[in-house]
Amino acid sequence: MEVKIFTKILRPKIGFLPKTDTATDHGLQGDINIWLATQPNIKIQNITQSQSGGSFQASTIVISIWYK
């Protein structure tokens, strides 16, 4: 089994609260879709997601796609 890991900083924070309510994945969905399109013969076994970041740190998301 192999794993492909995607990481993005989602929203840099300035201060405690974000300046906008607009949510964005900063291209993460597009990156994953492009990678999947170039891998037509894989069989996805599992997908995991993790997010980190504190009150004053930018949120970072990690998506792991486990495949054969």
C-alpha atoms as a PDB file:
ATOM      1  CA  MET A   1       0.000   0.000   0.000  1.00  0.00           C
ATOM      2  CA  GLU A   2       1.155   3.530  -0.742  1.00  0.00           C
ATOM      3  CA  VAL A   3       0.132   6.922   0.571  1.00  0.00           C
ATOM      4  CA  LYS A   4      -0.117  10.359  -1.042  1.00  0.00           C
ATOM      5  CA  ILE A   5      -0.110  13.274   1.397  1.00  0.00           C
ATOM      6  CA  PHE A   6      -1.521  16.714   0.580  1.00  0.00           C
ATOM      7  CA  THR A   7      -0.850  19.681   2.877  1.00  0.00           C
ATOM      8  CA  LYS A   8      -2.125  23.266   2.712  1.00  0.00           C
ATOM      9  CA  ILE A   9      -2.186  26.279   4.984  1.00  0.00           C
ATOM     10  CA  LEU A  10      -5.856  27.179   4.842  1.00  0.00           C
ATOM     11  CA  ARG A  11      -6.191  30.628   6.306  1.00  0.00           C
ATOM     12  CA  PRO A  12      -3.458  32.790   7.735  1.00  0.00           C
ATOM     13  CA  LYS A  13      -4.760  34.548  10.818  1.00  0.00           C
ATOM     14  CA  ILE A  14      -4.140  38.136  11.773  1.00  0.00           C
ATOM     15  CA  GLY A  15      -5.178  38.417  15.378  1.00  0.00           C
ATOM     16  CA  PHE A  16      -7.549  36.112  17.198  1.00  0.00           C
ATOM     17  CA  LEU A  17     -10.488  36.198  14.777  1.00  0.00           C
ATOM     18  CA  PRO A  18     -10.315  35.788  10.983  1.00  0.00           C
ATOM     19  CA  LYS A  19     -11.096  38.913   8.964  1.00  0.00           C
ATOM     20  CA  THR A  20     -13.593  37.170   6.657  1.00  0.00           C
ATOM     21  CA  ASP A  21     -16.218  34.452   6.845  1.00  0.00           C
ATOM     22  CA  THR A  22     -15.384  33.227   3.341  1.00  0.00           C
ATOM     23  CA  ALA A  23     -14.073  29.664   3.513  1.00  0.00           C
ATOM     24  CA  THR A  24     -11.622  28.412   0.932  1.00  0.00           C
ATOM     25  CA  ASP A  25      -9.456  25.354   0.525  1.00  0.00           C
ATOM     26  CA  HIS A  26      -6.716  27.414  -1.214  1.00  0.00           C
ATOM     27  CA  GLY A  27      -6.626  24.962  -4.131  1.00  0.00           C
ATOM     28  CA  LEU A  28      -6.427  21.759  -2.086  1.00  0.00           C
ATOM     29  CA  GLN A  29      -9.477  20.205  -3.745  1.00  0.00           C
ATOM     30  CA  GLY A  30      -8.067  21.001  -7.185  1.00  0.00           C
ATOM     31  CA  ASP A  31      -4.680  19.509  -6.282  1.00  0.00           C
ATOM     32  CA  ILE A  32      -6.334  16.287  -5.139  1.00  0.00           C
ATOM     33  CA  ASN A  33      -8.591  16.081  -8.207  1.00  0.00           C
ATOM     34  CA  ILE A  34      -5.652  16.619 -10.578  1.00  0.00           C
ATOM     35  CA  TRP A  35      -3.635  13.912  -8.828  1.00  0.00           C
ATOM     36  CA  LEU A  36      -6.583  11.491  -8.926  1.00  0.00           C
ATOM     37  CA  ALA A  37      -7.087  12.173 -12.647  1.00  0.00           C
ATOM     38  CA  THR A  38      -3.467  11.181 -13.314  1.00  0.00           C
ATOM     39  CA  GLN A  39      -3.850   7.918 -11.343  1.00  0.00           C
ATOM     40  CA  PRO A  40      -6.677   6.045 -13.142  1.00  0.00           C
ATOM     41  CA  ASN A  41      -5.554   2.559 -12.081  1.00  0.00           C
ATOM     42  CA  ILE A  42      -5.337   3.011  -8.313  1.00  0.00           C
ATOM     43  CA  LYS A  43      -7.796   1.662  -5.771  1.00  0.00           C
ATOM     44  CA  ILE A  44      -8.288   3.980  -2.804  1.00  0.00           C
ATOM     45  CA  GLN A  45      -8.212   2.103   0.494  1.00  0.00           C
ATOM     46  CA  ASN A  46      -8.589   4.917   3.028  1.00  0.00           C
ATOM     47  CA  ILE A  47      -8.643   8.712   3.301  1.00  0.00           C
ATOM     48  CA  THR A  48      -7.726  10.559   6.490  1.00  0.00           C
ATOM     49  CA  GLN A  49      -7.772  14.249   7.364  1.00  0.00           C
ATOM     50  CA  SER A  50      -6.071  16.179  10.123  1.00  0.00           C
ATOM     51  CA  GLN A  51      -5.986  19.872  10.939  1.00  0.00           C
ATOM     52  CA  SER A  52      -3.687  21.856  13.188  1.00  0.00           C
ATOM     53  CA  GLY A  53      -3.233  25.457  14.220  1.00  0.00           C
ATOM     54  CA  GLY A  54      -3.757  27.428  17.359  1.00  0.00           C
ATOM     55  CA  SER A  55      -5.583  30.624  18.133  1.00  0.00           C
ATOM     56  CA  PHE A  56      -2.863  32.755  16.551  1.00  0.00           C
ATOM     57  CA  GLN A  57      -1.481  30.264  14.009  1.00  0.00           C
ATOM     58  CA  ALA A  58      -2.720  29.576  10.519  1.00  0.00           C
ATOM     59  CA  SER A  59      -4.809  26.436  10.105  1.00  0.00           C
ATOM     60  CA  THR A  60      -2.961  23.666   8.294  1.00  0.00           C
ATOM     61  CA  ILE A  61      -4.823  20.702   6.844  1.00  0.00           C
ATOM     62  CA  VAL A  62      -3.262  17.366   5.925  1.00  0.00           C
ATOM     63  CA  ILE A  63      -5.128  14.840   3.782  1.00  0.00           C
ATOM     64  CA  SER A  64      -3.658  11.367   3.339  1.00  0.00           C
ATOM     65  CA  ILE A  65      -4.919   9.088   0.580  1.00  0.00           C
ATOM     66  CA  TRP A  66      -3.971   5.431   1.075  1.00  0.00           C
ATOM     67  CA  TYR A  67      -4.102   3.400  -2.145  1.00  0.00           C
ATOM     68  CA  LYS A  68      -2.948   0.291  -3.976  1.00  0.00           C
END
